[in-house]
């Protein structure tokens, strides 16, 4: 009997707790998992070509307001692209340089460093997740633009409604003219009554 009374309350509490997660359009994953996945994906998908690296550096500059000399410092000190994005986010909120943050141990554990600096780690995780999605969209756009430049695809003319009429005419051409099914080869006139 208690279960029947408690069940609607439990369902309502579950619904109230999950609506904000669905409304935000974000996954219900833990921010720590989101953060570590973003860092790993940025490290793994790091562009090998100079053009791709320049593109990603430009994107970090635009997104977080990072100066070019900071990014050059990070490249010379072998900081990966995931680490650079995390450092750029922390720098945008605290104002510290990359060198100061690395010296204070930010590279060992970005999450703990951000917590100690008083940052909202959830906001950092979701900001970096948005950055990763934006970088992937831009990368894919660049790839497709290169493919389009290599292969010239000529657009088909717009046939509009006339195409439907043309197709219909073709279909009717394949329909045979009605022919009699049975032909009698009897000489003379055939009349009713058998004569």
Protein backbone atom coordinates (compact mmCIF):
# COMPACT_ATOMS: atom_id res chain seq x y z
CA UNK A 1 0.00 0.00 0.00
CA UNK A 2 2.88 2.37 0.78
CA UNK A 3 4.45 1.66 -2.60
CA UNK A 4 1.28 2.71 -4.42
CA UNK A 5 1.26 6.04 -2.59
CA UNK A 6 5.02 6.65 -2.98
CA UNK A 7 5.25 5.72 -6.68
CA UNK A 8 3.61 8.89 -8.11
CA UNK A 9 5.81 11.07 -5.91
CA UNK A 10 8.92 9.18 -6.97
CA UNK A 11 7.99 9.47 -10.66
CA UNK A 12 7.31 13.19 -10.27
CA UNK A 13 10.65 13.74 -8.51
CA UNK A 14 12.49 11.83 -11.25
CA UNK A 15 10.74 13.84 -13.94
CA UNK A 16 11.53 17.16 -12.25
CA UNK A 17 15.19 16.22 -11.87
CA UNK A 18 15.67 15.06 -15.47
CA UNK A 19 13.80 17.83 -17.31
CA UNK A 20 16.65 20.39 -16.98
CA UNK A 21 19.11 17.89 -18.46
CA UNK A 22 16.87 17.19 -21.44
CA UNK A 23 15.94 20.84 -21.90
CA UNK A 24 19.58 21.88 -22.07
CA UNK A 25 20.19 19.46 -24.95
CA UNK A 26 23.25 18.12 -23.19
CA UNK A 27 23.94 14.56 -22.29
CA UNK A 28 23.44 13.49 -18.70
CA UNK A 29 27.08 12.39 -18.47
CA UNK A 30 29.22 13.57 -15.62
CA UNK A 31 31.15 16.77 -16.40
CA UNK A 32 34.41 15.02 -15.47
CA UNK A 33 33.78 12.41 -18.16
CA UNK A 34 32.80 15.08 -20.70
CA UNK A 35 35.96 17.04 -19.86
CA UNK A 36 38.31 14.07 -20.16
CA UNK A 37 36.66 12.96 -23.42
CA UNK A 38 37.10 16.43 -24.91
CA UNK A 39 40.77 16.58 -23.91
CA UNK A 40 41.42 13.10 -25.34
CA UNK A 41 39.57 13.83 -28.60
CA UNK A 42 41.45 17.09 -29.13
CA UNK A 43 44.75 15.32 -28.46
CA UNK A 44 43.91 12.39 -30.75
CA UNK A 45 42.46 14.44 -33.60
CA UNK A 46 45.24 17.00 -33.56
CA UNK A 47 45.98 18.11 -37.10
CA UNK A 48 49.33 17.02 -38.48
CA UNK A 49 49.47 19.60 -41.26
CA UNK A 50 50.51 23.22 -40.67
CA UNK A 51 47.26 24.53 -42.14
CA UNK A 52 45.18 22.50 -39.69
CA UNK A 53 47.29 23.61 -36.74
CA UNK A 54 46.98 27.25 -37.79
CA UNK A 55 43.23 26.78 -38.08
CA UNK A 56 42.93 25.27 -34.60
CA UNK A 57 45.17 27.98 -33.11
CA UNK A 58 43.01 30.63 -34.76
CA UNK A 59 39.89 28.99 -33.35
CA UNK A 60 41.34 29.01 -29.82
CA UNK A 61 42.29 32.67 -30.25
CA UNK A 62 38.75 33.57 -31.32
CA UNK A 63 36.96 31.43 -28.75
CA UNK A 64 38.96 32.27 -25.63
CA UNK A 65 40.86 35.43 -26.57
CA UNK A 66 44.23 33.73 -26.23
CA UNK A 67 47.22 35.65 -27.53
CA UNK A 68 49.38 34.21 -30.29
CA UNK A 69 52.55 34.27 -28.17
CA UNK A 70 50.86 32.06 -25.57
CA UNK A 71 50.00 29.47 -28.22
CA UNK A 72 53.55 29.56 -29.57
CA UNK A 73 54.86 29.02 -26.04
CA UNK A 74 52.55 26.02 -25.64
CA UNK A 75 53.72 24.52 -28.95
CA UNK A 76 57.39 24.90 -28.04
CA UNK A 77 56.75 23.22 -24.67
CA UNK A 78 54.89 20.27 -26.26
CA UNK A 79 51.47 21.07 -24.81
CA UNK A 80 48.83 19.14 -26.75
CA UNK A 81 45.79 20.77 -28.32
CA UNK A 82 43.49 19.51 -25.57
CA UNK A 83 45.80 20.98 -22.95
CA UNK A 84 46.02 24.24 -24.89
CA UNK A 85 42.22 24.52 -25.01
CA UNK A 86 41.95 23.85 -21.27
CA UNK A 87 44.71 26.34 -20.49
CA UNK A 88 43.05 28.89 -22.77
CA UNK A 89 39.76 28.53 -20.91
CA UNK A 90 41.44 28.86 -17.52
CA UNK A 91 43.47 31.83 -18.77
CA UNK A 92 40.31 33.54 -20.06
CA UNK A 93 38.81 33.39 -16.58
CA UNK A 94 41.85 33.89 -14.33
CA UNK A 95 44.18 35.95 -16.53
CA UNK A 96 47.28 33.87 -15.73
CA UNK A 97 49.80 33.03 -18.44
CA UNK A 98 50.31 29.51 -19.74
CA UNK A 99 53.80 29.42 -18.22
CA UNK A 100 52.50 30.35 -14.75
CA UNK A 101 49.73 27.76 -14.90
CA UNK A 102 52.05 24.98 -16.07
CA UNK A 103 54.55 25.91 -13.36
CA UNK A 104 51.74 25.66 -10.77
CA UNK A 105 50.91 22.14 -12.00
CA UNK A 106 47.85 22.75 -14.19
CA UNK A 107 49.05 20.28 -16.81
CA UNK A 108 49.03 17.39 -14.36
CA UNK A 109 45.35 17.76 -13.50
CA UNK A 110 43.35 20.51 -15.22
CA UNK A 111 40.19 19.64 -13.30
CA UNK A 112 41.78 19.98 -9.84
CA UNK A 113 43.64 23.13 -10.90
CA UNK A 114 40.39 24.73 -12.08
CA UNK A 115 38.63 23.78 -8.82
CA UNK A 116 41.48 25.26 -6.77
CA UNK A 117 41.30 28.45 -8.86
CA UNK A 118 37.60 28.77 -7.98
CA UNK A 119 36.24 28.04 -11.46
CA UNK A 120 33.05 26.18 -12.24
CA UNK A 121 34.40 22.94 -13.64
CA UNK A 122 31.03 22.02 -15.15
CA UNK A 123 31.01 25.24 -17.16
CA UNK A 124 34.58 24.55 -18.24
CA UNK A 125 33.71 21.03 -19.36
CA UNK A 126 30.70 22.15 -21.38
CA UNK A 127 32.55 25.12 -22.85
CA UNK A 128 35.34 22.83 -24.05
CA UNK A 129 32.73 20.38 -25.36
CA UNK A 130 31.15 23.19 -27.40
CA UNK A 131 34.62 24.18 -28.62
CA UNK A 132 35.30 20.61 -29.75
CA UNK A 133 32.01 20.41 -31.64
CA UNK A 134 32.72 23.74 -33.32
CA UNK A 135 36.24 22.60 -34.27
CA UNK A 136 34.90 19.33 -35.71
CA UNK A 137 32.26 21.15 -37.78
CA UNK A 138 34.85 23.56 -39.14
CA UNK A 139 37.29 20.72 -39.88
CA UNK A 140 34.61 18.77 -41.74
CA UNK A 141 33.65 21.87 -43.71
CA UNK A 142 37.29 22.35 -44.74
CA UNK A 143 37.53 18.71 -45.84
CA UNK A 144 34.36 18.92 -47.93
CA UNK A 145 35.47 22.19 -49.49
CA UNK A 146 38.74 20.54 -50.54
CA UNK A 147 36.83 17.61 -52.03
CA UNK A 148 34.55 19.95 -53.94
CA UNK A 149 37.56 21.83 -55.30
CA UNK A 150 39.19 18.60 -56.50
CA UNK A 151 36.08 17.11 -58.06
CA UNK A 152 33.91 19.51 -59.95
CA UNK A 153 30.32 18.36 -59.69
CA UNK A 154 28.01 19.95 -62.22
CA UNK A 155 24.59 20.67 -60.82
CA UNK A 156 21.63 19.03 -62.51
CA UNK A 157 19.14 21.39 -64.11
CA UNK A 158 15.96 21.97 -62.20
CA UNK A 159 13.32 20.09 -64.15
CA UNK A 160 10.49 21.19 -61.93
CA UNK A 161 6.99 19.95 -62.62
CA UNK A 162 7.74 19.44 -66.31
CA UNK A 163 9.84 16.43 -65.42
CA UNK A 164 6.79 14.70 -63.97
CA UNK A 165 4.85 15.28 -67.19
CA UNK A 166 7.77 14.04 -69.29
CA UNK A 167 8.07 10.90 -67.16
CA UNK A 168 4.35 10.34 -67.46
CA UNK A 169 4.57 10.59 -71.26
CA UNK A 170 7.35 8.01 -71.28
CA UNK A 171 5.24 5.68 -69.17
CA UNK A 172 2.28 5.98 -71.54
CA UNK A 173 4.47 5.19 -74.55
CA UNK A 174 5.11 1.76 -73.11
CA UNK A 175 1.42 0.97 -72.85
CA UNK A 176 0.36 -0.93 -75.95
CA UNK A 177 -2.59 0.08 -78.10
CA UNK A 178 -5.55 -2.15 -77.23
CA UNK A 179 -5.71 -5.16 -79.54
CA UNK A 180 -8.52 -7.69 -79.80
CA UNK A 181 -7.88 -10.69 -77.64
CA UNK A 182 -9.64 -13.28 -79.85
CA UNK A 183 -9.79 -13.26 -83.65
CA UNK A 184 -12.15 -15.55 -85.65
CA UNK A 185 -10.88 -16.68 -89.04
CA UNK A 186 -14.18 -17.86 -90.55
CA UNK A 187 -14.98 -16.85 -94.13
CA UNK A 188 -18.17 -14.92 -94.68
CA UNK A 189 -20.40 -13.08 -92.34
CA UNK A 190 -21.06 -14.53 -88.97
CA UNK A 191 -24.47 -13.69 -87.67
CA UNK A 192 -26.49 -14.57 -84.72
CA UNK A 193 -28.36 -17.73 -85.11
CA UNK A 194 -25.53 -19.78 -86.55
CA UNK A 195 -25.64 -18.83 -90.19
